[in-house]
C-alpha atoms as a PDB file:
ATOM      1  CA  MET A   1      52.468  16.412  45.275  1.00  0.00           C
ATOM      2  CA  ILE A   2      53.434  18.179  48.479  1.00  0.00           C
ATOM      3  CA  VAL A   3      52.764  21.742  49.609  1.00  0.00           C
ATOM      4  CA  PHE A   4      55.304  23.730  51.615  1.00  0.00           C
ATOM      5  CA  ASP A   5      54.960  27.024  53.439  1.00  0.00           C
ATOM      6  CA  LEU A   6      57.905  29.148  52.310  1.00  0.00           C
ATOM      7  CA  CYS A   7      59.297  32.514  53.369  1.00  0.00           C
ATOM      8  CA  CYS A   8      61.878  34.889  51.921  1.00  0.00           C
ATOM      9  CA  ALA A   9      64.799  36.316  53.852  1.00  0.00           C
ATOM     10  CA  ALA A  10      64.445  39.892  52.536  1.00  0.00           C
ATOM     11  CA  GLY A  11      60.911  40.686  53.625  1.00  0.00           C
ATOM     12  CA  ASP A  12      59.896  37.628  55.620  1.00  0.00           C
ATOM     13  CA  HIS A  13      56.946  37.168  53.259  1.00  0.00           C
ATOM     14  CA  ARG A  14      55.120  33.821  53.677  1.00  0.00           C
ATOM     15  CA  PHE A  15      53.628  31.934  50.751  1.00  0.00           C
ATOM     16  CA  GLU A  16      52.735  28.392  49.653  1.00  0.00           C
ATOM     17  CA  ALA A  17      54.216  26.386  46.813  1.00  0.00           C
ATOM     18  CA  TRP A  18      53.543  22.878  45.484  1.00  0.00           C
ATOM     19  CA  PHE A  19      56.336  20.428  44.613  1.00  0.00           C
ATOM     20  CA  ALA A  20      56.486  16.870  43.306  1.00  0.00           C
ATOM     21  CA  SER A  21      58.561  15.884  46.355  1.00  0.00           C
ATOM     22  CA  SER A  22      60.828  17.263  49.048  1.00  0.00           C
ATOM     23  CA  ASP A  23      63.788  16.493  46.767  1.00  0.00           C
ATOM     24  CA  SER A  24      62.150  18.518  44.001  1.00  0.00           C
ATOM     25  CA  PHE A  25      62.002  21.531  46.322  1.00  0.00           C
ATOM     26  CA  GLY A  26      65.683  21.099  47.212  1.00  0.00           C
ATOM     27  CA  ASP A  27      66.664  20.799  43.552  1.00  0.00           C
ATOM     28  CA  GLN A  28      64.700  23.910  42.507  1.00  0.00           C
ATOM     29  CA  GLN A  29      66.047  25.861  45.488  1.00  0.00           C
ATOM     30  CA  ALA A  30      69.663  24.914  44.640  1.00  0.00           C
ATOM     31  CA  ARG A  31      69.167  26.004  41.013  1.00  0.00           C
ATOM     32  CA  GLY A  32      67.678  29.384  42.104  1.00  0.00           C
ATOM     33  CA  LEU A  33      64.296  28.699  40.517  1.00  0.00           C
ATOM     34  CA  ILE A  34      62.219  29.722  43.542  1.00  0.00           C
ATOM     35  CA  ASN A  35      61.540  33.430  44.151  1.00  0.00           C
ATOM     36  CA  CYS A  36      59.289  35.319  46.568  1.00  0.00           C
ATOM     37  CA  PRO A  37      56.107  36.344  44.685  1.00  0.00           C
ATOM     38  CA  VAL A  38      55.898  39.563  46.747  1.00  0.00           C
ATOM     39  CA  CYS A  39      59.428  41.017  46.556  1.00  0.00           C
ATOM     40  CA  GLY A  40      61.224  38.699  44.112  1.00  0.00           C
ATOM     41  CA  ASP A  41      63.891  37.642  46.633  1.00  0.00           C
ATOM     42  CA  GLY A  42      65.601  34.385  45.648  1.00  0.00           C
ATOM     43  CA  ASP A  43      66.688  33.507  49.199  1.00  0.00           C
ATOM     44  CA  VAL A  44      63.648  31.334  49.994  1.00  0.00           C
ATOM     45  CA  LYS A  45      63.482  28.737  52.759  1.00  0.00           C
ATOM     46  CA  LYS A  46      60.836  26.416  54.183  1.00  0.00           C
ATOM     47  CA  ALA A  47      58.806  28.114  56.905  1.00  0.00           C
ATOM     48  CA  VAL A  48      57.664  26.400  60.069  1.00  0.00           C
ATOM     49  CA  MET A  49      54.274  24.868  59.388  1.00  0.00           C
ATOM     50  CA  ALA A  50      51.755  22.854  61.337  1.00  0.00           C
ATOM     51  CA  PRO A  51      51.124  19.363  60.011  1.00  0.00           C
ATOM     52  CA  ARG A  52      47.627  18.505  58.870  1.00  0.00           C
ATOM     53  CA  VAL A  53      46.441  15.856  61.260  1.00  0.00           C
ATOM     54  CA  GLY A  54      43.048  14.319  60.674  1.00  0.00           C
ATOM     55  CA  ALA A  55      40.452  14.415  63.430  1.00  0.00           C
ATOM     56  CA  LYS A  56      39.943  11.324  65.552  1.00  0.00           C
ATOM     57  CA  SER A  57      37.119   9.140  64.333  1.00  0.00           C
ATOM     58  CA  ASN A  58      35.126   9.716  67.547  1.00  0.00           C
ATOM     59  CA  ARG A  59      35.232  13.526  67.213  1.00  0.00           C
ATOM     60  CA  GLN A  60      32.916  15.708  65.210  1.00  0.00           C
ATOM     61  CA  ALA A  61      34.614  17.518  62.327  1.00  0.00           C
ATOM     62  CA  VAL A  62      34.913  21.297  62.525  1.00  0.00           C
ATOM     63  CA  ALA A  63      32.868  23.075  59.884  1.00  0.00           C
ATOM     64  CA  GLN A  64      35.034  24.450  57.086  1.00  0.00           C
ATOM     65  CA  PRO A  65      34.577  28.080  56.041  1.00  0.00           C
ATOM     66  CA  PRO A  66      32.764  28.447  52.737  1.00  0.00           C
ATOM     67  CA  ALA A  67      35.043  28.301  49.711  1.00  0.00           C
ATOM     68  CA  LYS A  68      35.596  31.429  47.660  1.00  0.00           C
ATOM     69  CA  PRO A  69      33.518  31.601  44.507  1.00  0.00           C
ATOM     70  CA  SER A  70      35.403  30.114  41.564  1.00  0.00           C
ATOM     71  CA  GLY A  71      35.512  33.477  39.777  1.00  0.00           C
ATOM     72  CA  SER A  72      37.185  35.387  42.638  1.00  0.00           C
ATOM     73  CA  ARG A  73      40.937  35.840  42.562  1.00  0.00           C
ATOM     74  CA  GLU A  74      43.415  37.456  44.898  1.00  0.00           C
ATOM     75  CA  PRO A  75      44.966  40.577  43.362  1.00  0.00           C
ATOM     76  CA  SER A  76      48.587  40.225  42.308  1.00  0.00           C
ATOM     77  CA  PRO A  77      51.251  41.910  44.472  1.00  0.00           C
ATOM     78  CA  GLU A  78      52.063  44.202  41.536  1.00  0.00           C
ATOM     79  CA  LEU A  79      48.431  45.339  41.311  1.00  0.00           C
ATOM     80  CA  VAL A  80      48.291  45.979  45.071  1.00  0.00           C
ATOM     81  CA  ARG A  81      51.524  48.032  44.911  1.00  0.00           C
ATOM     82  CA  LYS A  82      50.175  50.048  41.964  1.00  0.00           C
ATOM     83  CA  LEU A  83      46.841  50.758  43.673  1.00  0.00           C
ATOM     84  CA  LEU A  84      48.556  51.843  46.901  1.00  0.00           C
ATOM     85  CA  ALA A  85      50.919  54.104  44.947  1.00  0.00           C
ATOM     86  CA  ASP A  86      47.935  55.644  43.102  1.00  0.00           C
ATOM     87  CA  ILE A  87      46.103  56.253  46.397  1.00  0.00           C
ATOM     88  CA  ALA A  88      49.204  57.820  47.968  1.00  0.00           C
ATOM     89  CA  ALA A  89      49.743  60.067  44.911  1.00  0.00           C
ATOM     90  CA  LYS A  90      46.108  61.272  44.882  1.00  0.00           C
ATOM     91  CA  GLN A  91      46.219  61.954  48.630  1.00  0.00           C
ATOM     92  CA  ALA A  92      49.518  63.882  48.264  1.00  0.00           C
ATOM     93  CA  GLU A  93      47.896  65.947  45.496  1.00  0.00           C
ATOM     94  CA  MET A  94      44.829  66.778  47.628  1.00  0.00           C
ATOM     95  CA  LEU A  95      46.427  67.535  51.019  1.00  0.00           C
ATOM     96  CA  PRO A  96      47.974  70.904  50.017  1.00  0.00           C
ATOM     97  CA  GLN A  97      44.462  72.066  49.061  1.00  0.00           C
ATOM     98  CA  SER A  98      43.165  71.480  52.595  1.00  0.00           C
ATOM     99  CA  ARG A  99      43.977  73.072  55.966  1.00  0.00           C
ATOM    100  CA  TRP A 100      45.560  71.145  58.866  1.00  0.00           C
ATOM    101  CA  VAL A 101      43.449  71.569  62.035  1.00  0.00           C
ATOM    102  CA  GLY A 102      45.223  68.983  64.185  1.00  0.00           C
ATOM    103  CA  ARG A 103      43.357  67.575  67.183  1.00  0.00           C
ATOM    104  CA  ASP A 104      40.534  70.113  66.595  1.00  0.00           C
ATOM    105  CA  PHE A 105      39.284  68.163  63.570  1.00  0.00           C
ATOM    106  CA  ALA A 106      35.999  66.977  65.117  1.00  0.00           C
ATOM    107  CA  ASP A 107      35.153  70.438  66.493  1.00  0.00           C
ATOM    108  CA  ALA A 108      36.032  72.165  63.191  1.00  0.00           C
ATOM    109  CA  ALA A 109      33.984  69.676  61.144  1.00  0.00           C
ATOM    110  CA  ARG A 110      31.011  70.048  63.503  1.00  0.00           C
ATOM    111  CA  ALA A 111      31.232  73.873  63.375  1.00  0.00           C
ATOM    112  CA  MET A 112      31.168  73.842  59.554  1.00  0.00           C
ATOM    113  CA  HIS A 113      28.268  71.376  59.537  1.00  0.00           C
ATOM    114  CA  GLU A 114      26.249  73.530  61.930  1.00  0.00           C
ATOM    115  CA  GLY A 115      27.027  76.777  60.012  1.00  0.00           C
ATOM    116  CA  ARG A 116      29.134  78.300  62.809  1.00  0.00           C
ATOM    117  CA  ALA A 117      32.215  78.310  60.519  1.00  0.00           C
ATOM    118  CA  ALA A 118      32.741  78.782  56.790  1.00  0.00           C
ATOM    119  CA  GLU A 119      32.929  75.630  54.664  1.00  0.00           C
ATOM    120  CA  ASP A 120      36.538  74.631  54.082  1.00  0.00           C
ATOM    121  CA  LEU A 121      38.602  71.568  53.196  1.00  0.00           C
ATOM    122  CA  ILE A 122      40.290  70.384  56.380  1.00  0.00           C
ATOM    123  CA  HIS A 123      42.326  67.455  57.637  1.00  0.00           C
ATOM    124  CA  GLY A 124      43.474  66.590  61.129  1.00  0.00           C
ATOM    125  CA  GLN A 125      43.192  64.007  63.868  1.00  0.00           C
ATOM    126  CA  ALA A 126      40.156  62.518  65.593  1.00  0.00           C
ATOM    127  CA  SER A 127      39.756  59.712  68.076  1.00  0.00           C
ATOM    128  CA  PRO A 128      37.630  56.702  67.092  1.00  0.00           C
ATOM    129  CA  GLU A 129      34.890  57.979  69.431  1.00  0.00           C
ATOM    130  CA  GLU A 130      34.945  61.458  67.838  1.00  0.00           C
ATOM    131  CA  ALA A 131      34.800  59.946  64.339  1.00  0.00           C
ATOM    132  CA  ARG A 132      31.861  57.728  65.354  1.00  0.00           C
ATOM    133  CA  SER A 133      30.037  60.745  66.819  1.00  0.00           C
ATOM    134  CA  LEU A 134      30.552  62.733  63.594  1.00  0.00           C
ATOM    135  CA  HIS A 135      29.200  59.808  61.570  1.00  0.00           C
ATOM    136  CA  ASP A 136      26.202  59.358  63.892  1.00  0.00           C
ATOM    137  CA  ASP A 137      25.366  63.061  63.470  1.00  0.00           C
ATOM    138  CA  GLY A 138      25.504  62.818  59.656  1.00  0.00           C
ATOM    139  CA  ILE A 139      28.764  64.752  59.317  1.00  0.00           C
ATOM    140  CA  ALA A 140      30.876  63.507  56.398  1.00  0.00           C
ATOM    141  CA  ALA A 141      34.428  62.615  57.437  1.00  0.00           C
ATOM    142  CA  MET A 142      36.738  59.812  56.432  1.00  0.00           C
ATOM    143  CA  PRO A 143      40.188  58.604  57.436  1.00  0.00           C
ATOM    144  CA  LEU A 144      43.177  59.273  55.225  1.00  0.00           C
ATOM    145  CA  LEU A 145      44.174  55.997  53.610  1.00  0.00           C
ATOM    146  CA  VAL A 146      47.905  56.745  53.787  1.00  0.00           C
ATOM    147  CA  PRO A 147      49.184  57.965  57.178  1.00  0.00           C
ATOM    148  CA  ILE A 148      50.768  61.428  57.259  1.00  0.00           C
ATOM    149  CA  VAL A 149      53.132  63.172  59.645  1.00  0.00           C
ATOM    150  CA  PRO A 150      51.483  66.159  61.370  1.00  0.00           C
ATOM    151  CA  PRO A 151      53.199  69.439  60.358  1.00  0.00           C
ATOM    152  CA  GLU A 152      54.469  70.104  63.881  1.00  0.00           C
ATOM    153  CA  ALA A 153      56.161  66.665  63.962  1.00  0.00           C
ATOM    154  CA  ALA A 154      57.945  67.066  60.608  1.00  0.00           C
ATOM    155  CA  ASN A 155      61.541  68.247  60.707  1.00  0.00           C
END
């Protein structure tokens, strides 16, 4: 058995696949049996890969990272796409219910927390330092998971 790093032409997605031999890869590729597991593209080629060269006998081996527990699995690309679509849909549903405050987000959140402004649902922009300061002061704020275009930048 031999493992190859492969990539598709459509999305340049990289993935591994095992074959009985190099000829077996060529045969399956010619018959169109190999598809990208991410986008389904059938135009798949071998990617550049580093050979696995064993360490010299007089060198100490590098510690390998711990293996994943046998029960853990990577989510399928379809599941990841579905979860991202669900997150984007929920965020799109919630944004119209909140008020855009732009770069004044940290000040507006702090004013509401301190009682200087009425409680309201807001969204806007904050620097990493401003977000850290809000967190350190016990003010609840979180980043939007799907980026949005500020209203003044939309055409």
